Amino acid sequence: MSLTVSRAGPLGLPLSVALRVTETGDVVAAAAPSSVTIPAVETGVTFEVATVDDAVEEDDSAVTVEILSGAAYTVDAYRSASVPVYDNDAPPTVAIQREFDANEGHPARFIVSRAGSAAAAVTVQLTITETGDMIDPDDEGSTSVVIPAGAISATLEIPTVDDTVEEADSTVTATINAGAGYGIGIPASAGVIVYDNDTSPPTVTITPGTSPITEGYSAGFGISRTGPTFSQLTVYLTVAETGDMIDEGPRAVTIRAGHSSATLSVRTVDDTAAEANSTITATIDASTRYTIGTPKSATVTANDDDTTPTVTIRSTSSLVTEGDLVGITVHRSGPTTSPLTIQLTISETGDMIAPDDEGSISFTIPAGQITAALSVATVDDTTDEDDSTITVTISDGGGLTIGSPSMRSATIRDDDRPLSTVTIAPGTSPITEGAFAHFTITRTDPTTHRLTVAVTVAETGEMVHVDDQGAQLVTIRAGQTSATLEVATVDDTADEDDSTITATITRDPYSTRYTIGTPNSATITTNDNDSP
């Protein structure tokens, strides 16, 4: 800014005039003049007081220059002049978001960030509230956080109390209030869910499996729990019997995280001694990790097999595709010195095995063996038909005892289903960056099975994360005619061109279950929401 010092009177000599520069704000450069010299024969001199053009939002300032008294001159009534200097820097905009949800005892963390100038520190005023009772009352209400100079964000931590009270989860919310030196952006508030960690212990019960069983097979017991399943639970038991077929004593069963039950298997000994049947009992033992419910014990009977041979059956394949073999294993207990001939009945619900393979057949376990394998051929035709169930049953008990299981079934899946035609349609368009782009993939009949469709995602701009572009798979569930592909867009702070997101149906290299119809691609426009 320019000012002029003038004199009246003799002009023959230069005149040095002392000055003092003051201001109400902070805009004057450090090298402000402390004096000026009016040249000889001149009535005045114009000089400059420099101001600093910084990036800091601040109050306007008034700069005053005052002529100080001197021996070579006197000062009249116009000894000072003031000039207003206006700030040209917009205040930053602040917003808030949560970092993570937390368990009680861990802090609720928020990230307070600003857009705009970071040259100066800014103190952001906030209000803390919660829906439950997880934070100290002293930590509710008004608080503040400082974003340091040069930084674009700061972290606000609200401690939570780790008590022993079972209570509802709570949401801790931080809301930005108006304050000096900033504007309020979006979002202006954020909530962190604080989860209670004082749930009651689960209740554990037990149920028996198949009973009776034949010695040599395992006695099964189902162990179940109530309540949350987010962590594994070890259940302790004691196993006892009335006979002599197992190793008695303690057992432990672990119910895995995410599961509500597990199975305890107690192996029995397949000996050659004729003996009384045995009753096997499993009883839940006490633990601080759970409470014992009802029933707390269960019983399975194990039958001796050393009078006549006992025959049971197992399937080695419970699901095959037409054209494959169905595998059945027949098992006997007792002496193996002689071959054992067994009568079996083969039936099916559909039409996938040859008629000559249905009905009653004789099957022999050779001498020296306790098992033998039976294979039933299925027909691979070109007819679209219902799946079929083949059942093999032990039908003759002469000279043997029919054990459990005495019947086994396998499903034969048809592979001649007609192909679905798949098309794609866009959802809402345009959308704003940060929202999801939705595409609907639709198929024609049949809908009896789930269908996986390959889709390629591409865009013209930079609003979709690279991991969400390229090849994607969308599964249409059985019984459903459509599914939605959801593509996330990134809500950044960069001013950029709008982007076009295109999803195109492609051929799944691992599936031949569909043809590509029209339209086979769809486009959604994503608009930028950032000012230049």
Protein backbone atom coordinates (compact mmCIF):
# COMPACT_ATOMS: atom_id res chain seq x y z
CA MET A 1 0.00 0.00 0.00
CA SER A 2 1.24 3.54 -0.80
CA LEU A 3 1.37 6.60 1.52
CA THR A 4 2.78 10.11 1.07
CA VAL A 5 4.63 12.29 3.64
CA SER A 6 4.52 16.03 2.81
CA ARG A 7 6.31 19.12 4.19
CA ALA A 8 5.79 22.89 4.15
CA GLY A 9 8.56 25.41 4.60
CA PRO A 10 12.20 25.53 3.38
CA LEU A 11 13.00 23.05 0.63
CA GLY A 12 16.74 23.48 0.20
CA LEU A 13 17.83 20.39 2.15
CA PRO A 14 16.65 16.77 2.27
CA LEU A 15 14.51 15.96 5.34
CA SER A 16 14.48 12.59 7.19
CA VAL A 17 11.12 11.86 8.84
CA ALA A 18 10.77 9.13 11.54
CA LEU A 19 7.75 6.79 11.22
CA ARG A 20 5.99 4.13 13.29
CA VAL A 21 3.89 1.40 11.58
CA THR A 22 1.22 -0.44 13.60
CA GLU A 23 -1.74 -2.72 12.71
CA THR A 24 -4.74 -4.44 14.29
CA GLY A 25 -4.10 -7.79 12.56
CA ASP A 26 -1.10 -9.63 11.12
CA VAL A 27 -0.62 -8.65 7.46
CA VAL A 28 2.37 -6.20 7.40
CA ALA A 29 5.69 -7.60 6.18
CA ALA A 30 8.54 -7.70 8.70
CA ALA A 31 10.54 -5.00 6.87
CA ALA A 32 8.11 -2.10 7.39
CA PRO A 33 9.84 1.32 6.99
CA SER A 34 10.85 3.20 10.17
CA SER A 35 11.70 6.45 8.33
CA VAL A 36 11.58 8.14 4.91
CA THR A 37 13.61 11.00 3.38
CA ILE A 38 12.03 13.86 1.46
CA PRO A 39 14.63 14.90 -1.19
CA ALA A 40 15.89 18.49 -1.45
CA VAL A 41 13.54 20.87 -3.30
CA GLU A 42 10.71 18.25 -3.02
CA THR A 43 7.60 18.89 -0.96
CA GLY A 44 6.90 15.22 -0.32
CA VAL A 45 7.81 11.59 -0.87
CA THR A 46 5.63 8.51 -1.52
CA PHE A 47 6.61 5.22 0.07
CA GLU A 48 5.28 1.61 0.28
CA VAL A 49 4.28 -0.52 3.27
CA ALA A 50 4.33 -4.13 2.07
CA THR A 51 1.62 -6.65 3.15
CA VAL A 52 1.90 -10.45 3.06
CA ASP A 53 -0.43 -12.45 0.76
CA ASP A 54 -0.59 -15.70 2.74
CA ALA A 55 -2.97 -18.67 2.57
CA VAL A 56 -4.29 -18.26 6.11
CA GLU A 57 -7.90 -17.31 6.71
CA GLU A 58 -7.79 -14.45 9.24
CA ASP A 59 -9.52 -11.24 10.36
CA ASP A 60 -9.17 -8.08 8.29
CA SER A 61 -6.47 -5.64 9.51
CA ALA A 62 -6.12 -1.82 9.77
CA VAL A 63 -2.54 -0.57 9.12
CA THR A 64 -1.64 2.82 10.69
CA VAL A 65 1.50 4.88 9.86
CA GLU A 66 2.32 7.63 12.37
CA ILE A 67 4.91 10.46 11.99
CA LEU A 68 7.10 10.61 15.06
CA SER A 69 8.47 13.89 16.48
CA GLY A 70 11.89 15.01 15.20
CA ALA A 71 14.43 17.83 15.82
CA ALA A 72 14.36 19.06 12.22
CA TYR A 73 10.61 19.40 11.87
CA THR A 74 7.34 19.80 13.64
CA VAL A 75 4.29 17.61 13.12
CA ASP A 76 0.89 19.10 12.34
CA ALA A 77 -2.53 17.64 13.03
CA TYR A 78 -2.32 15.13 10.15
CA ARG A 79 0.40 13.13 11.81
CA SER A 80 -1.08 9.63 11.06
CA ALA A 81 -3.04 7.77 8.39
CA SER A 82 -4.81 4.38 8.45
CA VAL A 83 -5.52 1.98 5.58
CA PRO A 84 -7.78 -1.13 5.86
CA VAL A 85 -6.33 -4.42 4.54
CA TYR A 86 -8.86 -7.14 3.70
CA ASP A 87 -8.15 -10.89 4.00
CA ASN A 88 -8.61 -12.85 0.75
CA ASP A 89 -8.49 -16.42 2.10
CA ALA A 90 -11.63 -18.58 2.42
CA PRO A 91 -11.89 -20.65 5.64
CA PRO A 92 -11.38 -24.46 5.35
CA THR A 93 -14.36 -26.83 5.43
CA VAL A 94 -14.25 -29.62 8.04
CA ALA A 95 -16.03 -33.00 7.98
CA ILE A 96 -15.99 -36.12 10.16
CA GLN A 97 -16.13 -39.88 9.68
CA ARG A 98 -15.80 -42.90 11.94
CA GLU A 99 -12.69 -45.05 11.82
CA PHE A 100 -13.98 -48.45 13.02
CA ASP A 101 -16.69 -49.87 15.24
CA ALA A 102 -15.30 -51.05 18.58
CA ASN A 103 -15.82 -53.39 21.51
CA GLU A 104 -16.40 -51.82 24.93
CA GLY A 105 -13.08 -50.95 26.57
CA HIS A 106 -11.66 -49.75 23.24
CA PRO A 107 -11.96 -46.10 22.19
CA ALA A 108 -14.48 -44.84 19.66
CA ARG A 109 -12.26 -43.21 17.02
CA PHE A 110 -13.24 -40.46 14.58
CA ILE A 111 -11.26 -38.80 11.79
CA VAL A 112 -11.84 -35.02 11.54
CA SER A 113 -10.55 -33.72 8.19
CA ARG A 114 -10.50 -30.42 6.39
CA ALA A 115 -10.64 -29.28 2.78
CA GLY A 116 -8.93 -26.07 1.81
CA SER A 117 -5.94 -24.29 3.31
CA ALA A 118 -3.84 -26.27 5.80
CA ALA A 119 -1.44 -23.40 6.53
CA ALA A 120 -2.76 -22.73 10.03
CA ALA A 121 -4.00 -24.90 12.87
CA VAL A 122 -7.77 -25.04 13.26
CA THR A 123 -9.69 -25.93 16.42
CA VAL A 124 -12.91 -27.82 15.63
CA GLN A 125 -15.76 -27.76 18.16
CA LEU A 126 -17.85 -30.95 18.56
CA THR A 127 -20.65 -32.48 20.62
CA ILE A 128 -20.43 -36.11 21.81
CA THR A 129 -23.62 -38.15 22.46
CA GLU A 130 -24.45 -41.86 22.75
CA THR A 131 -27.55 -44.08 22.68
CA GLY A 132 -26.47 -46.38 25.52
CA ASP A 133 -24.14 -46.27 28.51
CA MET A 134 -20.64 -47.09 27.27
CA ILE A 135 -18.78 -43.81 27.83
CA ASP A 136 -18.11 -41.77 30.95
CA PRO A 137 -20.61 -38.92 31.46
CA ASP A 138 -17.64 -36.51 31.63
CA ASP A 139 -16.77 -37.46 28.03
CA GLU A 140 -20.23 -36.56 26.71
CA GLY A 141 -21.17 -33.07 25.61
CA SER A 142 -18.83 -30.43 24.18
CA THR A 143 -15.25 -31.17 23.18
CA SER A 144 -12.75 -30.03 20.57
CA VAL A 145 -9.94 -31.35 18.43
CA VAL A 146 -7.07 -29.45 16.83
CA ILE A 147 -5.96 -30.09 13.25
CA PRO A 148 -2.31 -28.94 13.33
CA ALA A 149 -0.83 -26.55 10.79
CA GLY A 150 0.26 -28.49 7.72
CA ALA A 151 -2.06 -31.42 8.48
CA ILE A 152 -5.36 -32.19 6.77
CA SER A 153 -6.85 -34.33 9.54
CA ALA A 154 -6.73 -35.23 13.21
CA THR A 155 -8.04 -38.18 15.23
CA LEU A 156 -10.60 -37.81 18.01
CA GLU A 157 -10.69 -40.66 20.55
CA ILE A 158 -13.56 -41.13 23.01
CA PRO A 159 -12.75 -43.73 25.72
CA THR A 160 -15.35 -46.43 26.46
CA VAL A 161 -15.84 -48.27 29.75
CA ASP A 162 -15.17 -52.03 29.89
CA ASP A 163 -17.60 -53.09 32.61
CA THR A 164 -19.04 -56.49 33.54
CA VAL A 165 -22.69 -55.57 32.91
CA GLU A 166 -24.58 -57.23 30.06
CA GLU A 167 -26.23 -54.37 28.20
CA ALA A 168 -27.37 -53.24 24.77
CA ASP A 169 -24.80 -52.06 22.25
CA SER A 170 -24.39 -48.28 22.06
CA THR A 171 -23.78 -45.82 19.23
CA VAL A 172 -21.37 -42.98 20.07
CA THR A 173 -21.96 -39.97 17.81
CA ALA A 174 -19.65 -36.98 17.25
CA THR A 175 -21.20 -33.89 15.62
CA ILE A 176 -19.29 -30.84 14.35
CA ASN A 177 -20.50 -27.50 15.76
CA ALA A 178 -19.99 -24.05 14.28
CA GLY A 179 -16.72 -22.40 15.24
CA ALA A 180 -14.16 -19.80 14.26
CA GLY A 181 -11.88 -20.39 11.29
CA TYR A 182 -13.80 -23.15 9.48
CA GLY A 183 -17.00 -24.06 7.75
CA ILE A 184 -19.00 -27.28 8.34
CA GLY A 185 -18.79 -29.82 5.54
CA ILE A 186 -20.51 -33.15 4.83
CA PRO A 187 -20.73 -35.42 6.71
CA ALA A 188 -21.01 -33.23 9.80
CA SER A 189 -21.55 -36.16 12.16
CA ALA A 190 -20.50 -39.79 12.44
CA GLY A 191 -21.40 -42.71 14.70
CA VAL A 192 -19.31 -45.59 16.05
CA ILE A 193 -21.10 -48.72 17.27
CA VAL A 194 -19.65 -49.93 20.59
CA TYR A 195 -20.43 -53.60 21.18
CA ASP A 196 -21.07 -55.05 24.61
CA ASN A 197 -18.71 -57.92 25.54
CA ASP A 198 -20.55 -59.20 28.58
CA THR A 199 -22.92 -61.74 27.02
CA SER A 200 -24.21 -64.58 29.18
CA PRO A 201 -22.46 -67.95 28.76
CA PRO A 202 -24.13 -70.32 26.27
CA THR A 203 -26.26 -73.28 27.35
CA VAL A 204 -24.99 -76.67 26.18
CA THR A 205 -27.08 -79.82 25.62
CA ILE A 206 -26.48 -83.30 24.16
CA THR A 207 -28.55 -85.70 22.02
CA PRO A 208 -27.81 -89.27 20.89
CA GLY A 209 -27.09 -90.28 17.33
CA THR A 210 -28.12 -93.54 15.66
CA SER A 211 -29.01 -96.24 18.19
CA PRO A 212 -28.46 -99.16 18.26
CA ILE A 213 -25.15 -99.48 16.43
CA THR A 214 -23.01 -102.53 15.80
CA GLU A 215 -19.67 -102.96 17.55
CA GLY A 216 -16.90 -101.63 15.36
CA TYR A 217 -18.86 -98.49 14.47
CA SER A 218 -18.71 -95.21 16.33
CA ALA A 219 -21.38 -94.03 18.72
CA GLY A 220 -22.35 -90.48 17.76
CA PHE A 221 -23.55 -87.70 20.06
CA GLY A 222 -24.69 -84.22 19.00
CA ILE A 223 -23.44 -81.33 21.18
CA SER A 224 -25.40 -78.07 20.73
CA ARG A 225 -25.08 -74.56 22.18
CA THR A 226 -27.32 -71.51 22.37
CA GLY A 227 -26.34 -67.86 22.03
CA PRO A 228 -23.58 -66.15 20.00
CA THR A 229 -21.30 -68.31 17.86
CA PHE A 230 -18.55 -65.78 17.08
CA SER A 231 -15.89 -67.78 18.96
CA GLN A 232 -15.14 -71.47 19.38
CA LEU A 233 -16.35 -73.30 22.49
CA THR A 234 -14.78 -76.42 24.04
CA VAL A 235 -17.24 -78.72 25.83
CA TYR A 236 -15.99 -81.31 28.32
CA LEU A 237 -17.69 -84.71 28.76
CA THR A 238 -17.32 -88.06 30.49
CA VAL A 239 -18.03 -91.27 28.57
CA ALA A 240 -19.01 -94.53 30.34
CA GLU A 241 -20.56 -97.87 29.32
CA THR A 242 -22.21 -100.95 30.81
CA GLY A 243 -20.18 -103.42 28.75
CA ASP A 244 -16.67 -103.65 27.30
CA MET A 245 -16.61 -102.03 23.84
CA ILE A 246 -15.00 -98.60 24.33
CA ASP A 247 -12.28 -96.75 26.21
CA GLU A 248 -14.11 -94.94 29.00
CA GLY A 249 -13.14 -91.60 30.51
CA PRO A 250 -13.03 -87.85 29.73
CA ARG A 251 -13.53 -86.36 26.28
CA ALA A 252 -13.50 -82.82 24.84
CA VAL A 253 -15.39 -81.55 21.80
CA THR A 254 -14.80 -78.14 20.18
CA ILE A 255 -17.72 -76.30 18.55
CA ARG A 256 -16.08 -74.15 15.89
CA ALA A 257 -16.63 -70.40 15.54
CA GLY A 258 -19.71 -69.72 13.45
CA HIS A 259 -21.24 -73.11 14.31
CA SER A 260 -23.87 -74.01 16.90
CA SER A 261 -23.13 -77.73 17.17
CA ALA A 262 -20.47 -80.43 16.88
CA THR A 263 -20.36 -84.23 17.01
CA LEU A 264 -18.66 -86.46 19.56
CA SER A 265 -17.70 -89.84 18.04
CA VAL A 266 -16.89 -92.72 20.41
CA ARG A 267 -15.24 -95.62 18.63
CA THR A 268 -16.26 -99.16 19.59
CA VAL A 269 -14.05 -102.23 19.25
CA ASP A 270 -15.03 -104.88 16.70
CA ASP A 271 -13.72 -108.05 18.35
CA THR A 272 -14.52 -111.74 17.82
CA ALA A 273 -15.90 -112.39 21.31
CA ALA A 274 -19.58 -113.05 21.85
CA GLU A 275 -20.61 -110.66 24.60
CA ALA A 276 -23.51 -108.69 25.99
CA ASN A 277 -24.62 -105.58 24.23
CA SER A 278 -23.27 -102.37 25.78
CA THR A 279 -24.93 -99.07 26.65
CA ILE A 280 -22.65 -96.07 26.02
CA THR A 281 -23.48 -92.86 27.91
CA ALA A 282 -21.91 -89.41 27.35
CA THR A 283 -22.45 -86.77 30.08
CA ILE A 284 -21.56 -83.06 29.89
CA ASP A 285 -19.13 -81.89 32.59
CA ALA A 286 -19.24 -78.45 34.24
CA SER A 287 -17.20 -75.47 32.96
CA THR A 288 -17.07 -71.73 33.55
CA ARG A 289 -17.41 -71.22 29.79
CA TYR A 290 -20.96 -72.55 29.58
CA THR A 291 -24.01 -73.67 31.55
CA ILE A 292 -25.40 -77.21 31.30
CA GLY A 293 -28.90 -77.50 29.89
CA THR A 294 -31.35 -80.39 29.54
CA PRO A 295 -30.68 -83.07 28.43
CA LYS A 296 -27.17 -83.16 29.85
CA SER A 297 -26.53 -86.84 28.98
CA ALA A 298 -27.39 -89.20 26.12
CA THR A 299 -27.18 -92.94 25.53
CA VAL A 300 -26.41 -95.11 22.49
CA THR A 301 -26.65 -98.93 22.49
CA ALA A 302 -23.85 -100.93 20.84
CA ASN A 303 -24.83 -104.47 19.80
CA ASP A 304 -22.43 -107.39 19.79
CA ASP A 305 -21.89 -108.90 16.32
CA ASP A 306 -20.21 -112.17 17.07
CA THR A 307 -23.05 -114.72 16.73
CA THR A 308 -24.09 -114.26 13.08
CA PRO A 309 -22.42 -111.84 10.64
CA THR A 310 -23.99 -108.40 10.60
CA VAL A 311 -24.19 -106.66 7.25
CA THR A 312 -24.36 -102.92 6.67
CA ILE A 313 -24.12 -100.74 3.62
CA ARG A 314 -22.38 -97.47 2.74
CA SER A 315 -22.46 -95.27 -0.35
CA THR A 316 -19.14 -93.96 -1.64
CA SER A 317 -20.86 -91.37 -3.84
CA SER A 318 -24.06 -89.63 -2.75
CA LEU A 319 -24.28 -87.37 -5.86
CA VAL A 320 -23.24 -88.29 -9.40
CA THR A 321 -23.97 -87.05 -12.90
CA GLU A 322 -25.76 -89.29 -15.38
CA GLY A 323 -23.20 -91.51 -17.11
CA ASP A 324 -21.11 -91.92 -13.94
CA LEU A 325 -21.01 -94.97 -11.67
CA VAL A 326 -22.82 -95.07 -8.31
CA GLY A 327 -20.49 -96.67 -5.77
CA ILE A 328 -21.83 -98.83 -2.91
CA THR A 329 -19.76 -100.58 -0.21
CA VAL A 330 -21.21 -103.57 1.66
CA HIS A 331 -19.63 -104.33 5.07
CA ARG A 332 -19.81 -107.43 7.26
CA SER A 333 -18.69 -108.11 10.83
CA GLY A 334 -17.67 -111.40 12.32
CA PRO A 335 -15.60 -114.23 10.81
CA THR A 336 -14.34 -113.79 7.23
CA THR A 337 -13.18 -117.34 6.58
CA SER A 338 -15.96 -117.98 4.05
CA PRO A 339 -17.57 -115.92 1.28
CA LEU A 340 -20.89 -114.29 2.24
CA THR A 341 -23.71 -113.96 -0.30
CA ILE A 342 -26.17 -111.13 0.29
CA GLN A 343 -29.41 -110.27 -1.49
CA LEU A 344 -29.71 -106.60 -2.50
CA THR A 345 -32.61 -104.68 -4.05
CA ILE A 346 -31.84 -101.81 -6.46
CA SER A 347 -34.56 -99.25 -7.26
CA GLU A 348 -34.77 -95.69 -8.57
CA THR A 349 -37.28 -92.85 -8.78
CA GLY A 350 -36.46 -91.82 -12.35
CA ASP A 351 -35.13 -93.39 -15.54
CA MET A 352 -31.35 -93.22 -15.42
CA ILE A 353 -30.27 -96.85 -14.94
CA ALA A 354 -30.88 -99.73 -17.32
CA PRO A 355 -33.99 -101.85 -16.52
CA ASP A 356 -31.81 -104.97 -16.31
CA ASP A 357 -29.88 -103.35 -13.42
CA GLU A 358 -33.01 -102.83 -11.30
CA GLY A 359 -34.61 -105.33 -8.94
CA SER A 360 -33.06 -108.08 -6.78
CA ILE A 361 -29.45 -109.18 -7.23
CA SER A 362 -27.06 -111.52 -5.40
CA PHE A 363 -23.83 -109.96 -4.17
CA THR A 364 -20.89 -111.77 -2.60
CA ILE A 365 -18.23 -110.57 -0.16
CA PRO A 366 -15.22 -112.84 -0.86
CA ALA A 367 -13.54 -114.94 1.85
CA GLY A 368 -10.93 -113.03 3.81
CA GLN A 369 -12.60 -109.67 3.18
CA ILE A 370 -14.96 -107.64 5.36
CA THR A 371 -16.09 -105.32 2.54
CA ALA A 372 -16.83 -105.45 -1.17
CA ALA A 373 -17.72 -102.74 -3.65
CA LEU A 374 -20.76 -102.64 -5.93
CA SER A 375 -20.94 -100.25 -8.90
CA VAL A 376 -24.24 -99.37 -10.56
CA ALA A 377 -24.00 -97.88 -14.06
CA THR A 378 -26.13 -94.89 -15.07
CA VAL A 379 -27.14 -93.93 -18.63
CA ASP A 380 -25.87 -90.67 -20.15
CA ASP A 381 -28.65 -89.76 -22.60
CA THR A 382 -29.59 -86.46 -24.30
CA THR A 383 -33.03 -86.15 -22.72
CA ASP A 384 -33.84 -83.27 -20.37
CA GLU A 385 -35.42 -85.04 -17.39
CA ASP A 386 -35.81 -84.85 -13.63
CA ASP A 387 -32.96 -85.96 -11.43
CA SER A 388 -33.31 -89.54 -10.13
CA THR A 389 -32.57 -91.20 -6.79
CA ILE A 390 -31.12 -94.71 -6.79
CA THR A 391 -31.56 -96.79 -3.62
CA VAL A 392 -29.74 -100.03 -2.69
CA THR A 393 -31.29 -102.03 0.18
CA ILE A 394 -30.17 -105.20 1.97
CA SER A 395 -33.17 -107.49 1.48
CA ASP A 396 -32.22 -110.98 2.70
CA GLY A 397 -31.48 -111.67 6.39
CA GLY A 398 -31.06 -115.46 6.08
CA GLY A 399 -27.87 -116.51 7.85
CA LEU A 400 -26.98 -112.94 8.72
CA THR A 401 -28.13 -109.97 10.72
CA ILE A 402 -29.10 -106.80 8.85
CA GLY A 403 -27.31 -103.96 10.60
CA SER A 404 -27.64 -100.22 10.39
CA PRO A 405 -27.50 -98.62 7.96
CA SER A 406 -29.17 -101.21 5.73
CA MET A 407 -30.06 -98.86 2.88
CA ARG A 408 -28.17 -96.17 1.00
CA SER A 409 -29.30 -93.72 -1.68
CA ALA A 410 -27.51 -91.58 -4.23
CA THR A 411 -28.83 -88.77 -6.40
CA ILE A 412 -28.22 -88.94 -10.16
CA ARG A 413 -28.19 -85.45 -11.65
CA ASP A 414 -29.44 -84.88 -15.19
CA ASP A 415 -26.95 -83.01 -17.41
CA ASP A 416 -29.31 -82.16 -20.28
CA ARG A 417 -30.98 -79.03 -18.98
CA PRO A 418 -31.81 -76.35 -21.62
CA LEU A 419 -29.65 -73.23 -21.58
CA SER A 420 -30.80 -69.95 -20.07
CA THR A 421 -30.52 -66.72 -22.09
CA VAL A 422 -28.88 -63.97 -20.05
CA THR A 423 -29.30 -60.19 -20.48
CA ILE A 424 -28.28 -57.10 -18.49
CA ALA A 425 -29.98 -53.79 -17.66
CA PRO A 426 -28.68 -50.64 -15.93
CA GLY A 427 -30.05 -49.29 -12.67
CA THR A 428 -30.40 -45.59 -11.76
CA SER A 429 -28.31 -43.32 -14.01
CA PRO A 430 -26.70 -40.90 -13.48
CA ILE A 431 -25.38 -41.45 -9.96
CA THR A 432 -23.01 -39.33 -7.86
CA GLU A 433 -19.50 -40.54 -7.01
CA GLY A 434 -19.55 -42.45 -3.72
CA ALA A 435 -22.83 -44.20 -4.63
CA PHE A 436 -23.17 -47.74 -6.02
CA ALA A 437 -23.82 -48.47 -9.69
CA HIS A 438 -26.38 -51.29 -9.95
CA PHE A 439 -26.80 -53.63 -12.92
CA THR A 440 -29.51 -56.30 -13.12
CA ILE A 441 -28.62 -59.63 -14.75
CA THR A 442 -31.75 -61.54 -15.86
CA ARG A 443 -32.12 -65.09 -17.16
CA THR A 444 -34.84 -67.02 -18.93
CA ASP A 445 -36.00 -70.48 -17.82
CA PRO A 446 -34.90 -72.84 -16.42
CA THR A 447 -34.45 -71.47 -12.89
CA THR A 448 -34.21 -74.76 -11.01
CA HIS A 449 -30.46 -74.40 -10.43
CA ARG A 450 -28.22 -71.53 -9.52
CA LEU A 451 -26.42 -69.91 -12.48
CA THR A 452 -23.06 -68.11 -12.41
CA VAL A 453 -22.66 -65.35 -15.05
CA ALA A 454 -19.35 -63.72 -16.03
CA VAL A 455 -19.40 -59.90 -16.35
CA THR A 456 -16.61 -57.48 -17.34
CA VAL A 457 -16.68 -54.01 -15.71
CA ALA A 458 -14.93 -51.03 -17.34
CA GLU A 459 -15.14 -47.23 -17.08
CA THR A 460 -14.04 -44.12 -18.99
CA GLY A 461 -12.85 -42.20 -15.90
CA GLU A 462 -11.31 -42.94 -12.51
CA MET A 463 -14.21 -43.46 -10.10
CA VAL A 464 -14.19 -47.27 -9.73
CA HIS A 465 -11.46 -48.94 -7.70
CA VAL A 466 -9.14 -51.04 -9.87
CA ASP A 467 -10.08 -54.19 -7.89
CA ASP A 468 -13.74 -53.70 -8.88
CA GLN A 469 -12.95 -53.49 -12.60
CA GLY A 470 -12.36 -56.31 -15.02
CA ALA A 471 -13.80 -59.82 -14.72
CA GLN A 472 -16.57 -60.29 -12.12
CA LEU A 473 -18.90 -63.24 -11.35
CA VAL A 474 -22.61 -62.85 -10.48
CA THR A 475 -24.64 -65.81 -9.17
CA ILE A 476 -28.41 -66.06 -9.78
CA ARG A 477 -29.78 -68.31 -7.04
CA ALA A 478 -31.95 -71.35 -7.73
CA GLY A 479 -35.58 -70.32 -8.13
CA GLN A 480 -34.61 -66.71 -8.96
CA THR A 481 -34.69 -65.08 -12.42
CA SER A 482 -32.26 -62.25 -11.71
CA ALA A 483 -29.42 -60.97 -9.54
CA THR A 484 -27.79 -57.57 -9.04
CA LEU A 485 -24.17 -56.62 -9.72
CA GLU A 486 -23.15 -53.79 -7.37
CA VAL A 487 -20.14 -51.65 -8.38
CA ALA A 488 -18.81 -49.23 -5.74
CA THR A 489 -17.55 -45.78 -6.76
CA VAL A 490 -14.98 -43.74 -4.85
CA ASP A 491 -16.02 -40.43 -3.27
CA ASP A 492 -12.74 -38.52 -3.48
CA THR A 493 -11.97 -34.78 -3.28
CA ALA A 494 -10.52 -34.41 -6.77
CA ASP A 495 -12.28 -32.31 -9.38
CA GLU A 496 -12.50 -34.64 -12.40
CA ASP A 497 -14.55 -35.46 -15.47
CA ASP A 498 -17.71 -37.53 -15.10
CA SER A 499 -17.20 -41.27 -15.77
CA THR A 500 -19.19 -43.89 -17.66
CA ILE A 501 -19.29 -47.39 -16.12
CA THR A 502 -20.07 -50.25 -18.52
CA ALA A 503 -20.86 -53.85 -17.51
CA THR A 504 -20.73 -56.45 -20.29
CA ILE A 505 -21.82 -60.11 -20.08
CA THR A 506 -19.06 -62.50 -21.23
CA ARG A 507 -18.73 -66.23 -21.50
CA ASP A 508 -17.81 -67.96 -18.22
CA PRO A 509 -14.88 -70.26 -19.14
CA TYR A 510 -16.03 -72.74 -16.44
CA SER A 511 -19.70 -72.88 -17.41
CA THR A 512 -21.74 -73.65 -20.54
CA ARG A 513 -25.10 -73.09 -18.81
CA TYR A 514 -26.16 -69.91 -20.65
CA THR A 515 -26.25 -68.04 -23.91
CA ILE A 516 -25.74 -64.26 -24.12
CA GLY A 517 -28.83 -62.34 -25.17
CA THR A 518 -29.57 -58.68 -26.03
CA PRO A 519 -28.74 -56.32 -24.46
CA ASN A 520 -25.47 -57.87 -23.35
CA SER A 521 -24.05 -54.65 -21.88
CA ALA A 522 -25.34 -51.69 -19.88
CA THR A 523 -23.95 -48.27 -18.99
CA ILE A 524 -24.34 -45.97 -15.97
CA THR A 525 -22.96 -42.41 -15.76
CA THR A 526 -21.18 -41.36 -12.55
CA ASN A 527 -21.09 -37.59 -11.91
CA ASP A 528 -18.23 -35.88 -10.09
CA ASN A 529 -19.27 -33.95 -6.95
CA ASP A 530 -16.08 -31.94 -6.37
CA SER A 531 -15.84 -28.23 -7.15
CA PRO A 532 -12.74 -27.06 -9.03
